PDB file of N, CA and C in Angstrom:
ATOM      1  N   MET A   1      22.089  20.481-110.002  1.00  0.00           N
ATOM      2  CA  MET A   1      20.745  21.032-110.048  1.00  0.00           C
ATOM      3  C   MET A   1      20.754  22.524-110.411  1.00  0.00           C
ATOM      4  N   THR A   2      21.798  23.232-109.985  1.00  0.00           N
ATOM      5  CA  THR A   2      21.884  24.660-110.285  1.00  0.00           C
ATOM      6  C   THR A   2      21.988  24.908-111.784  1.00  0.00           C
ATOM      7  N   VAL A   3      22.740  24.071-112.499  1.00  0.00           N
ATOM      8  CA  VAL A   3      22.872  24.235-113.945  1.00  0.00           C
ATOM      9  C   VAL A   3      21.530  23.980-114.619  1.00  0.00           C
ATOM     10  N   VAL A   4      20.822  22.965-114.185  1.00  0.00           N
ATOM     11  CA  VAL A   4      19.509  22.664-114.763  1.00  0.00           C
ATOM     12  C   VAL A   4      18.561  23.840-114.548  1.00  0.00           C
ATOM     13  N   LYS A   5      18.541  24.387-113.338  1.00  0.00           N
ATOM     14  CA  LYS A   5      17.693  25.549-113.048  1.00  0.00           C
ATOM     15  C   LYS A   5      18.077  26.722-113.939  1.00  0.00           C
ATOM     16  N   SER A   6      19.352  26.966-114.067  1.00  0.00           N
ATOM     17  CA  SER A   6      19.832  28.075-114.890  1.00  0.00           C
ATOM     18  C   SER A   6      19.416  27.906-116.348  1.00  0.00           C
ATOM     19  N   VAL A   7      19.591  26.713-116.888  1.00  0.00           N
ATOM     20  CA  VAL A   7      19.214  26.455-118.287  1.00  0.00           C
ATOM     21  C   VAL A   7      17.713  26.656-118.476  1.00  0.00           C
ATOM     22  N   LEU A   8      16.918  26.140-117.553  1.00  0.00           N
ATOM     23  CA  LEU A   8      15.460  26.318-117.654  1.00  0.00           C
ATOM     24  C   LEU A   8      15.078  27.793-117.594  1.00  0.00           C
ATOM     25  N   LEU A   9      15.741  28.553-116.741  1.00  0.00           N
ATOM     26  CA  LEU A   9      15.471  29.993-116.662  1.00  0.00           C
ATOM     27  C   LEU A   9      15.863  30.695-117.960  1.00  0.00           C
ATOM     28  N   PHE A  10      16.961  30.273-118.585  1.00  0.00           N
ATOM     29  CA  PHE A  10      17.334  30.847-119.876  1.00  0.00           C
ATOM     30  C   PHE A  10      16.266  30.550-120.926  1.00  0.00           C
ATOM     31  N   VAL A  11      15.718  29.352-120.914  1.00  0.00           N
ATOM     32  CA  VAL A  11      14.669  28.995-121.881  1.00  0.00           C
ATOM     33  C   VAL A  11      13.419  29.840-121.652  1.00  0.00           C
ATOM     34  N   VAL A  12      12.997  29.966-120.406  1.00  0.00           N
ATOM     35  CA  VAL A  12      11.820  30.789-120.091  1.00  0.00           C
ATOM     36  C   VAL A  12      12.065  32.242-120.480  1.00  0.00           C
ATOM     37  N   ALA A  13      13.258  32.747-120.169  1.00  0.00           N
ATOM     38  CA  ALA A  13      13.592  34.128-120.528  1.00  0.00           C
ATOM     39  C   ALA A  13      13.562  34.319-122.041  1.00  0.00           C
ATOM     40  N   ALA A  14      14.077  33.344-122.777  1.00  0.00           N
ATOM     41  CA  ALA A  14      14.092  33.452-124.237  1.00  0.00           C
ATOM     42  C   ALA A  14      12.675  33.475-124.802  1.00  0.00           C
ATOM     43  N   VAL A  15      11.815  32.616-124.293  1.00  0.00           N
ATOM     44  CA  VAL A  15      10.429  32.605-124.770  1.00  0.00           C
ATOM     45  C   VAL A  15       9.766  33.944-124.477  1.00  0.00           C
ATOM     46  N   ALA A  16       9.991  34.479-123.286  1.00  0.00           N
ATOM     47  CA  ALA A  16       9.375  35.759-122.924  1.00  0.00           C
ATOM     48  C   ALA A  16       9.922  36.900-123.785  1.00  0.00           C
ATOM     49  N   GLU A  17      11.238  36.975-123.938  1.00  0.00           N
ATOM     50  CA  GLU A  17      11.798  38.106-124.687  1.00  0.00           C
ATOM     51  C   GLU A  17      11.535  37.992-126.185  1.00  0.00           C
ATOM     52  N   ILE A  18      11.825  36.841-126.747  1.00  0.00           N
ATOM     53  CA  ILE A  18      11.628  36.684-128.192  1.00  0.00           C
ATOM     54  C   ILE A  18      10.145  36.728-128.522  1.00  0.00           C
ATOM     55  N   GLY A  19       9.338  36.065-127.698  1.00  0.00           N
ATOM     56  CA  GLY A  19       7.891  36.109-127.907  1.00  0.00           C
ATOM     57  C   GLY A  19       7.343  37.519-127.773  1.00  0.00           C
ATOM     58  N   GLY A  20       7.843  38.261-126.787  1.00  0.00           N
ATOM     59  CA  GLY A  20       7.397  39.638-126.609  1.00  0.00           C
ATOM     60  C   GLY A  20       7.764  40.518-127.782  1.00  0.00           C
ATOM     61  N   ALA A  21       8.990  40.391-128.244  1.00  0.00           N
ATOM     62  CA  ALA A  21       9.410  41.183-129.406  1.00  0.00           C
ATOM     63  C   ALA A  21       8.615  40.796-130.644  1.00  0.00           C
ATOM     64  N   TRP A  22       8.342  39.501-130.794  1.00  0.00           N
ATOM     65  CA  TRP A  22       7.556  39.025-131.938  1.00  0.00           C
ATOM     66  C   TRP A  22       6.126  39.579-131.887  1.00  0.00           C
ATOM     67  N   LEU A  23       5.539  39.605-130.682  1.00  0.00           N
ATOM     68  CA  LEU A  23       4.188  40.160-130.545  1.00  0.00           C
ATOM     69  C   LEU A  23       4.152  41.640-130.897  1.00  0.00           C
ATOM     70  N   VAL A  24       5.152  42.396-130.443  1.00  0.00           N
ATOM     71  CA  VAL A  24       5.218  43.816-130.802  1.00  0.00           C
ATOM     72  C   VAL A  24       5.365  43.953-132.317  1.00  0.00           C
ATOM     73  N   TRP A  25       6.228  43.161-132.904  1.00  0.00           N
ATOM     74  CA  TRP A  25       6.431  43.178-134.356  1.00  0.00           C
ATOM     75  C   TRP A  25       5.115  42.890-135.071  1.00  0.00           C
ATOM     76  N   GLN A  26       4.422  41.850-134.621  1.00  0.00           N
ATOM     77  CA  GLN A  26       3.148  41.493-135.252  1.00  0.00           C
ATOM     78  C   GLN A  26       2.123  42.620-135.101  1.00  0.00           C
ATOM     79  N   GLY A  27       2.068  43.200-133.914  1.00  0.00           N
ATOM     80  CA  GLY A  27       1.110  44.266-133.669  1.00  0.00           C
ATOM     81  C   GLY A  27       1.338  45.485-134.537  1.00  0.00           C
ATOM     82  N   ILE A  28       2.597  45.857-134.730  1.00  0.00           N
ATOM     83  CA  ILE A  28       2.907  47.079-135.481  1.00  0.00           C
ATOM     84  C   ILE A  28       3.170  46.785-136.954  1.00  0.00           C
ATOM     85  N   ARG A  29       4.108  45.911-137.239  1.00  0.00           N
ATOM     86  CA  ARG A  29       4.501  45.672-138.640  1.00  0.00           C
ATOM     87  C   ARG A  29       3.467  44.885-139.432  1.00  0.00           C
ATOM     88  N   GLU A  30       2.751  44.000-138.742  1.00  0.00           N
ATOM     89  CA  GLU A  30       1.749  43.183-139.437  1.00  0.00           C
ATOM     90  C   GLU A  30       0.321  43.672-139.171  1.00  0.00           C
ATOM     91  N   ASN A  31       0.222  44.846-138.557  1.00  0.00           N
ATOM     92  CA  ASN A  31      -1.078  45.508-138.323  1.00  0.00           C
ATOM     93  C   ASN A  31      -2.086  44.632-137.581  1.00  0.00           C
ATOM     94  N   ARG A  32      -1.631  43.934-136.571  1.00  0.00           N
ATOM     95  CA  ARG A  32      -2.536  43.084-135.798  1.00  0.00           C
ATOM     96  C   ARG A  32      -3.169  43.827-134.628  1.00  0.00           C
ATOM     97  N   GLY A  33      -2.686  45.015-134.343  1.00  0.00           N
ATOM     98  CA  GLY A  33      -3.338  45.837-133.329  1.00  0.00           C
ATOM     99  C   GLY A  33      -2.552  45.990-132.043  1.00  0.00           C
ATOM    100  N   TRP A  34      -3.059  46.922-131.251  1.00  0.00           N
ATOM    101  CA  TRP A  34      -2.375  47.288-130.017  1.00  0.00           C
ATOM    102  C   TRP A  34      -2.498  46.251-128.925  1.00  0.00           C
ATOM    103  N   VAL A  35      -3.455  45.351-129.006  1.00  0.00           N
ATOM    104  CA  VAL A  35      -3.552  44.274-128.018  1.00  0.00           C
ATOM    105  C   VAL A  35      -2.314  43.374-128.137  1.00  0.00           C
ATOM    106  N   TRP A  36      -1.890  43.111-129.363  1.00  0.00           N
ATOM    107  CA  TRP A  36      -0.680  42.323-129.572  1.00  0.00           C
ATOM    108  C   TRP A  36       0.538  43.057-129.008  1.00  0.00           C
ATOM    109  N   VAL A  37       0.601  44.360-129.249  1.00  0.00           N
ATOM    110  CA  VAL A  37       1.713  45.160-128.735  1.00  0.00           C
ATOM    111  C   VAL A  37       1.730  45.116-127.207  1.00  0.00           C
ATOM    112  N   LEU A  38       0.582  45.280-126.590  1.00  0.00           N
ATOM    113  CA  LEU A  38       0.497  45.236-125.134  1.00  0.00           C
ATOM    114  C   LEU A  38       0.938  43.874-124.603  1.00  0.00           C
ATOM    115  N   GLY A  39       0.503  42.808-125.253  1.00  0.00           N
ATOM    116  CA  GLY A  39       0.957  41.468-124.861  1.00  0.00           C
ATOM    117  C   GLY A  39       2.467  41.353-124.957  1.00  0.00           C
ATOM    118  N   GLY A  40       3.022  41.926-126.004  1.00  0.00           N
ATOM    119  CA  GLY A  40       4.471  41.907-126.174  1.00  0.00           C
ATOM    120  C   GLY A  40       5.188  42.674-125.084  1.00  0.00           C
ATOM    121  N   VAL A  41       4.673  43.828-124.740  1.00  0.00           N
ATOM    122  CA  VAL A  41       5.289  44.634-123.679  1.00  0.00           C
ATOM    123  C   VAL A  41       5.247  43.882-122.344  1.00  0.00           C
ATOM    124  N   LEU A  42       4.154  43.227-122.058  1.00  0.00           N
ATOM    125  CA  LEU A  42       4.043  42.445-120.818  1.00  0.00           C
ATOM    126  C   LEU A  42       5.032  41.272-120.821  1.00  0.00           C
ATOM    127  N   ALA A  43       5.160  40.618-121.955  1.00  0.00           N
ATOM    128  CA  ALA A  43       6.105  39.503-122.054  1.00  0.00           C
ATOM    129  C   ALA A  43       7.543  39.998-121.887  1.00  0.00           C
ATOM    130  N   LEU A  44       7.859  41.148-122.474  1.00  0.00           N
ATOM    131  CA  LEU A  44       9.199  41.702-122.318  1.00  0.00           C
ATOM    132  C   LEU A  44       9.491  42.054-120.856  1.00  0.00           C
ATOM    133  N   GLY A  45       8.483  42.550-120.160  1.00  0.00           N
ATOM    134  CA  GLY A  45       8.643  42.807-118.731  1.00  0.00           C
ATOM    135  C   GLY A  45       8.879  41.525-117.953  1.00  0.00           C
ATOM    136  N   ALA A  46       8.183  40.462-118.336  1.00  0.00           N
ATOM    137  CA  ALA A  46       8.384  39.162-117.688  1.00  0.00           C
ATOM    138  C   ALA A  46       9.805  38.663-117.907  1.00  0.00           C
ATOM    139  N   TYR A  47      10.333  38.884-119.101  1.00  0.00           N
ATOM    140  CA  TYR A  47      11.726  38.504-119.379  1.00  0.00           C
ATOM    141  C   TYR A  47      12.666  39.178-118.375  1.00  0.00           C
ATOM    142  N   GLY A  48      12.488  40.465-118.161  1.00  0.00           N
ATOM    143  CA  GLY A  48      13.346  41.188-117.224  1.00  0.00           C
ATOM    144  C   GLY A  48      13.287  40.601-115.828  1.00  0.00           C
ATOM    145  N   PHE A  49      12.109  40.171-115.429  1.00  0.00           N
ATOM    146  CA  PHE A  49      11.950  39.559-114.112  1.00  0.00           C
ATOM    147  C   PHE A  49      12.632  38.197-114.059  1.00  0.00           C
ATOM    148  N   VAL A  50      12.406  37.365-115.071  1.00  0.00           N
ATOM    149  CA  VAL A  50      12.968  36.016-115.092  1.00  0.00           C
ATOM    150  C   VAL A  50      14.497  36.059-115.034  1.00  0.00           C
ATOM    151  N   ALA A  51      15.091  37.014-115.717  1.00  0.00           N
ATOM    152  CA  ALA A  51      16.557  37.113-115.718  1.00  0.00           C
ATOM    153  C   ALA A  51      17.110  37.302-114.305  1.00  0.00           C
ATOM    154  N   THR A  52      16.357  37.949-113.428  1.00  0.00           N
ATOM    155  CA  THR A  52      16.835  38.173-112.059  1.00  0.00           C
ATOM    156  C   THR A  52      16.849  36.893-111.227  1.00  0.00           C
ATOM    157  N   LEU A  53      16.215  35.849-111.699  1.00  0.00           N
ATOM    158  CA  LEU A  53      16.135  34.597-110.945  1.00  0.00           C
ATOM    159  C   LEU A  53      17.329  33.671-111.182  1.00  0.00           C
ATOM    160  N   GLN A  54      18.234  34.051-112.082  1.00  0.00           N
ATOM    161  CA  GLN A  54      19.412  33.224-112.351  1.00  0.00           C
ATOM    162  C   GLN A  54      20.225  33.059-111.064  1.00  0.00           C
ATOM    163  N   PRO A  55      20.764  31.851-110.837  1.00  0.00           N
ATOM    164  CA  PRO A  55      21.558  31.628-109.619  1.00  0.00           C
ATOM    165  C   PRO A  55      22.822  32.494-109.536  1.00  0.00           C
ATOM    166  N   ASP A  56      23.421  32.830-110.662  1.00  0.00           N
ATOM    167  CA  ASP A  56      24.621  33.670-110.661  1.00  0.00           C
ATOM    168  C   ASP A  56      24.214  35.115-110.378  1.00  0.00           C
ATOM    169  N   ALA A  57      24.928  35.768-109.488  1.00  0.00           N
ATOM    170  CA  ALA A  57      24.576  37.130-109.082  1.00  0.00           C
ATOM    171  C   ALA A  57      25.165  38.213-109.972  1.00  0.00           C
ATOM    172  N   ALA A  58      25.996  37.846-110.948  1.00  0.00           N
ATOM    173  CA  ALA A  58      26.672  38.841-111.781  1.00  0.00           C
ATOM    174  C   ALA A  58      25.795  39.221-112.972  1.00  0.00           C
ATOM    175  N   PHE A  59      25.227  40.426-112.913  1.00  0.00           N
ATOM    176  CA  PHE A  59      24.328  40.907-113.978  1.00  0.00           C
ATOM    177  C   PHE A  59      24.980  40.805-115.347  1.00  0.00           C
ATOM    178  N   GLY A  60      26.198  41.311-115.475  1.00  0.00           N
ATOM    179  CA  GLY A  60      26.880  41.305-116.768  1.00  0.00           C
ATOM    180  C   GLY A  60      27.080  39.906-117.315  1.00  0.00           C
ATOM    181  N   ARG A  61      27.451  38.974-116.457  1.00  0.00           N
ATOM    182  CA  ARG A  61      27.665  37.592-116.888  1.00  0.00           C
ATOM    183  C   ARG A  61      26.358  36.974-117.367  1.00  0.00           C
ATOM    184  N   VAL A  62      25.310  37.146-116.606  1.00  0.00           N
ATOM    185  CA  VAL A  62      24.012  36.560-116.971  1.00  0.00           C
ATOM    186  C   VAL A  62      23.523  37.134-118.295  1.00  0.00           C
ATOM    187  N   LEU A  63      23.593  38.450-118.448  1.00  0.00           N
ATOM    188  CA  LEU A  63      23.092  39.058-119.687  1.00  0.00           C
ATOM    189  C   LEU A  63      23.983  38.730-120.877  1.00  0.00           C
ATOM    190  N   ALA A  64      25.296  38.635-120.666  1.00  0.00           N
ATOM    191  CA  ALA A  64      26.195  38.259-121.756  1.00  0.00           C
ATOM    192  C   ALA A  64      25.888  36.838-122.228  1.00  0.00           C
ATOM    193  N   ALA A  65      25.724  35.941-121.288  1.00  0.00           N
ATOM    194  CA  ALA A  65      25.403  34.559-121.648  1.00  0.00           C
ATOM    195  C   ALA A  65      24.035  34.479-122.307  1.00  0.00           C
ATOM    196  N   TYR A  66      23.093  35.256-121.795  1.00  0.00           N
ATOM    197  CA  TYR A  66      21.757  35.229-122.386  1.00  0.00           C
ATOM    198  C   TYR A  66      21.797  35.669-123.854  1.00  0.00           C
ATOM    199  N   GLY A  67      22.747  36.530-124.202  1.00  0.00           N
ATOM    200  CA  GLY A  67      22.884  36.947-125.599  1.00  0.00           C
ATOM    201  C   GLY A  67      23.033  35.750-126.527  1.00  0.00           C
ATOM    202  N   GLY A  68      23.818  34.765-126.119  1.00  0.00           N
ATOM    203  CA  GLY A  68      23.967  33.551-126.918  1.00  0.00           C
ATOM    204  C   GLY A  68      22.690  32.740-126.984  1.00  0.00           C
ATOM    205  N   VAL A  69      21.994  32.669-125.852  1.00  0.00           N
ATOM    206  CA  VAL A  69      20.706  31.969-125.823  1.00  0.00           C
ATOM    207  C   VAL A  69      19.717  32.678-126.743  1.00  0.00           C
ATOM    208  N   PHE A  70      19.750  34.003-126.748  1.00  0.00           N
ATOM    209  CA  PHE A  70      18.859  34.790-127.591  1.00  0.00           C
ATOM    210  C   PHE A  70      19.098  34.498-129.069  1.00  0.00           C
ATOM    211  N   VAL A  71      20.354  34.378-129.467  1.00  0.00           N
ATOM    212  CA  VAL A  71      20.674  34.086-130.872  1.00  0.00           C
ATOM    213  C   VAL A  71      20.055  32.748-131.286  1.00  0.00           C
ATOM    214  N   VAL A  72      20.292  31.725-130.487  1.00  0.00           N
ATOM    215  CA  VAL A  72      19.758  30.395-130.800  1.00  0.00           C
ATOM    216  C   VAL A  72      18.236  30.405-130.756  1.00  0.00           C
ATOM    217  N   GLY A  73      17.683  31.003-129.706  1.00  0.00           N
ATOM    218  CA  GLY A  73      16.224  31.053-129.561  1.00  0.00           C
ATOM    219  C   GLY A  73      15.551  31.810-130.690  1.00  0.00           C
ATOM    220  N   SER A  74      16.181  32.883-131.154  1.00  0.00           N
ATOM    221  CA  SER A  74      15.603  33.666-132.247  1.00  0.00           C
ATOM    222  C   SER A  74      15.521  32.848-133.528  1.00  0.00           C
ATOM    223  N   LEU A  75      16.565  32.094-133.803  1.00  0.00           N
ATOM    224  CA  LEU A  75      16.542  31.250-134.993  1.00  0.00           C
ATOM    225  C   LEU A  75      15.489  30.150-134.865  1.00  0.00           C
ATOM    226  N   LEU A  76      15.400  29.534-133.691  1.00  0.00           N
ATOM    227  CA  LEU A  76      14.385  28.503-133.486  1.00  0.00           C
ATOM    228  C   LEU A  76      12.974  29.078-133.596  1.00  0.00           C
ATOM    229  N   TRP A  77      12.775  30.267-133.013  1.00  0.00           N
ATOM    230  CA  TRP A  77      11.466  30.931-133.093  1.00  0.00           C
ATOM    231  C   TRP A  77      11.097  31.181-134.554  1.00  0.00           C
ATOM    232  N   ALA A  78      12.058  31.655-135.331  1.00  0.00           N
ATOM    233  CA  ALA A  78      11.810  31.947-136.738  1.00  0.00           C
ATOM    234  C   ALA A  78      11.439  30.682-137.509  1.00  0.00           C
ATOM    235  N   VAL A  79      12.056  29.567-137.161  1.00  0.00           N
ATOM    236  CA  VAL A  79      11.718  28.297-137.816  1.00  0.00           C
ATOM    237  C   VAL A  79      10.275  27.920-137.516  1.00  0.00           C
ATOM    238  N   VAL A  80       9.898  28.005-136.253  1.00  0.00           N
ATOM    239  CA  VAL A  80       8.553  27.576-135.831  1.00  0.00           C
ATOM    240  C   VAL A  80       7.481  28.575-136.243  1.00  0.00           C
ATOM    241  N   ALA A  81       7.716  29.852-135.994  1.00  0.00           N
ATOM    242  CA  ALA A  81       6.660  30.856-136.184  1.00  0.00           C
ATOM    243  C   ALA A  81       6.587  31.411-137.598  1.00  0.00           C
ATOM    244  N   ASP A  82       7.717  31.447-138.296  1.00  0.00           N
ATOM    245  CA  ASP A  82       7.742  32.128-139.594  1.00  0.00           C
ATOM    246  C   ASP A  82       8.179  31.243-140.760  1.00  0.00           C
ATOM    247  N   GLY A  83       8.437  29.972-140.496  1.00  0.00           N
ATOM    248  CA  GLY A  83       8.850  29.082-141.567  1.00  0.00           C
ATOM    249  C   GLY A  83      10.256  29.329-142.089  1.00  0.00           C
ATOM    250  N   PHE A  84      11.077  30.022-141.310  1.00  0.00           N
ATOM    251  CA  PHE A  84      12.461  30.318-141.690  1.00  0.00           C
ATOM    252  C   PHE A  84      13.270  29.023-141.740  1.00  0.00           C
ATOM    253  N   ARG A  85      14.146  28.922-142.706  1.00  0.00           N
ATOM    254  CA  ARG A  85      15.034  27.770-142.822  1.00  0.00           C
ATOM    255  C   ARG A  85      16.482  28.241-142.676  1.00  0.00           C
ATOM    256  N   PRO A  86      17.094  27.967-141.527  1.00  0.00           N
ATOM    257  CA  PRO A  86      18.480  28.402-141.335  1.00  0.00           C
ATOM    258  C   PRO A  86      19.417  27.637-142.260  1.00  0.00           C
ATOM    259  N   ASP A  87      20.467  28.324-142.699  1.00  0.00           N
ATOM    260  CA  ASP A  87      21.484  27.641-143.492  1.00  0.00           C
ATOM    261  C   ASP A  87      22.595  27.167-142.555  1.00  0.00           C
ATOM    262  N   ARG A  88      23.606  26.553-143.131  1.00  0.00           N
ATOM    263  CA  ARG A  88      24.677  25.982-142.297  1.00  0.00           C
ATOM    264  C   ARG A  88      25.406  27.053-141.511  1.00  0.00           C
ATOM    265  N   TRP A  89      25.483  28.271-142.033  1.00  0.00           N
ATOM    266  CA  TRP A  89      26.166  29.355-141.321  1.00  0.00           C
ATOM    267  C   TRP A  89      25.357  29.829-140.125  1.00  0.00           C
ATOM    268  N   ASP A  90      24.039  29.836-140.270  1.00  0.00           N
ATOM    269  CA  ASP A  90      23.181  30.149-139.122  1.00  0.00           C
ATOM    270  C   ASP A  90      23.396  29.117-138.009  1.00  0.00           C
ATOM    271  N   VAL A  91      23.406  27.847-138.401  1.00  0.00           N
ATOM    272  CA  VAL A  91      23.583  26.768-137.424  1.00  0.00           C
ATOM    273  C   VAL A  91      24.970  26.838-136.788  1.00  0.00           C
ATOM    274  N   LEU A  92      25.993  27.082-137.591  1.00  0.00           N
ATOM    275  CA  LEU A  92      27.345  27.187-137.052  1.00  0.00           C
ATOM    276  C   LEU A  92      27.462  28.380-136.103  1.00  0.00           C
ATOM    277  N   GLY A  93      26.931  29.514-136.507  1.00  0.00           N
ATOM    278  CA  GLY A  93      26.976  30.696-135.645  1.00  0.00           C
ATOM    279  C   GLY A  93      26.242  30.476-134.337  1.00  0.00           C
ATOM    280  N   ALA A  94      25.071  29.841-134.395  1.00  0.00           N
ATOM    281  CA  ALA A  94      24.313  29.545-133.182  1.00  0.00           C
ATOM    282  C   ALA A  94      25.089  28.585-132.283  1.00  0.00           C
ATOM    283  N   SER A  95      25.772  27.623-132.884  1.00  0.00           N
ATOM    284  CA  SER A  95      26.571  26.676-132.101  1.00  0.00           C
ATOM    285  C   SER A  95      27.714  27.386-131.383  1.00  0.00           C
ATOM    286  N   VAL A  96      28.370  28.304-132.073  1.00  0.00           N
ATOM    287  CA  VAL A  96      29.437  29.088-131.451  1.00  0.00           C
ATOM    288  C   VAL A  96      28.875  29.883-130.263  1.00  0.00           C
ATOM    289  N   CYS A  97      27.697  30.447-130.446  1.00  0.00           N
ATOM    290  CA  CYS A  97      27.070  31.204-129.358  1.00  0.00           C
ATOM    291  C   CYS A  97      26.797  30.316-128.147  1.00  0.00           C
ATOM    292  N   LEU A  98      26.322  29.086-128.385  1.00  0.00           N
ATOM    293  CA  LEU A  98      26.058  28.182-127.264  1.00  0.00           C
ATOM    294  C   LEU A  98      27.343  27.788-126.542  1.00  0.00           C
ATOM    295  N   VAL A  99      28.412  27.623-127.281  1.00  0.00           N
ATOM    296  CA  VAL A  99      29.696  27.358-126.630  1.00  0.00           C
ATOM    297  C   VAL A  99      30.060  28.541-125.733  1.00  0.00           C
ATOM    298  N   GLY A 100      29.835  29.744-126.218  1.00  0.00           N
ATOM    299  CA  GLY A 100      30.085  30.933-125.406  1.00  0.00           C
ATOM    300  C   GLY A 100      29.250  30.963-124.148  1.00  0.00           C
ATOM    301  N   VAL A 101      27.993  30.584-124.254  1.00  0.00           N
ATOM    302  CA  VAL A 101      27.113  30.537-123.076  1.00  0.00           C
ATOM    303  C   VAL A 101      27.690  29.581-122.037  1.00  0.00           C
ATOM    304  N   VAL A 102      28.070  28.403-122.474  1.00  0.00           N
ATOM    305  CA  VAL A 102      28.612  27.403-121.551  1.00  0.00           C
ATOM    306  C   VAL A 102      29.881  27.924-120.880  1.00  0.00           C
ATOM    307  N   LEU A 103      30.758  28.539-121.644  1.00  0.00           N
ATOM    308  CA  LEU A 103      31.995  29.068-121.067  1.00  0.00           C
ATOM    309  C   LEU A 103      31.719  30.192-120.073  1.00  0.00           C
ATOM    310  N   ILE A 104      30.845  31.103-120.438  1.00  0.00           N
ATOM    311  CA  ILE A 104      30.559  32.246-119.571  1.00  0.00           C
ATOM    312  C   ILE A 104      29.868  31.820-118.276  1.00  0.00           C
ATOM    313  N   MET A 105      28.886  30.960-118.389  1.00  0.00           N
ATOM    314  CA  MET A 105      28.055  30.633-117.224  1.00  0.00           C
ATOM    315  C   MET A 105      28.563  29.458-116.398  1.00  0.00           C
ATOM    316  N   TYR A 106      29.119  28.464-117.041  1.00  0.00           N
ATOM    317  CA  TYR A 106      29.323  27.196-116.335  1.00  0.00           C
ATOM    318  C   TYR A 106      30.773  26.738-116.216  1.00  0.00           C
ATOM    319  N   ALA A 107      31.720  27.534-116.733  1.00  0.00           N
ATOM    320  CA  ALA A 107      33.129  27.173-116.564  1.00  0.00           C
ATOM    321  C   ALA A 107      33.499  27.290-115.084  1.00  0.00           C
ATOM    322  N   PRO A 108      34.369  26.404-114.620  1.00  0.00           N
ATOM    323  CA  PRO A 108      34.782  26.501-113.215  1.00  0.00           C
ATOM    324  C   PRO A 108      35.480  27.825-112.937  1.00  0.00           C
ATOM    325  N   ARG A 109      35.194  28.385-111.794  1.00  0.00           N
ATOM    326  CA  ARG A 109      35.795  29.654-111.400  1.00  0.00           C
ATOM    327  C   ARG A 109      36.617  29.451-110.150  1.00  0.00           C
TER     328      ARG A 109
END
């Protein structure tokens, strides 16, 4: 159950961080306004909070593993929100990152 909780928290954190950064990008780069930027800042703050809920108490481990989740989530976000089409190298790189996440977070200690 702990692994399931951890994975779900990584997904929520990814949506908050990537979504927040995307909202800031839209607000500034796409001239959608400061309301979008504010929404992004709030989402980024939520990401910081969600990360603290991980069952593992090691800040460095959680954030290092989240880096791999961020890579995969960013590519998925780009596919859904921006019509990006990853190539085989994007997919391979994301897969390597997920292997890293599993090793960092869930390998027996």
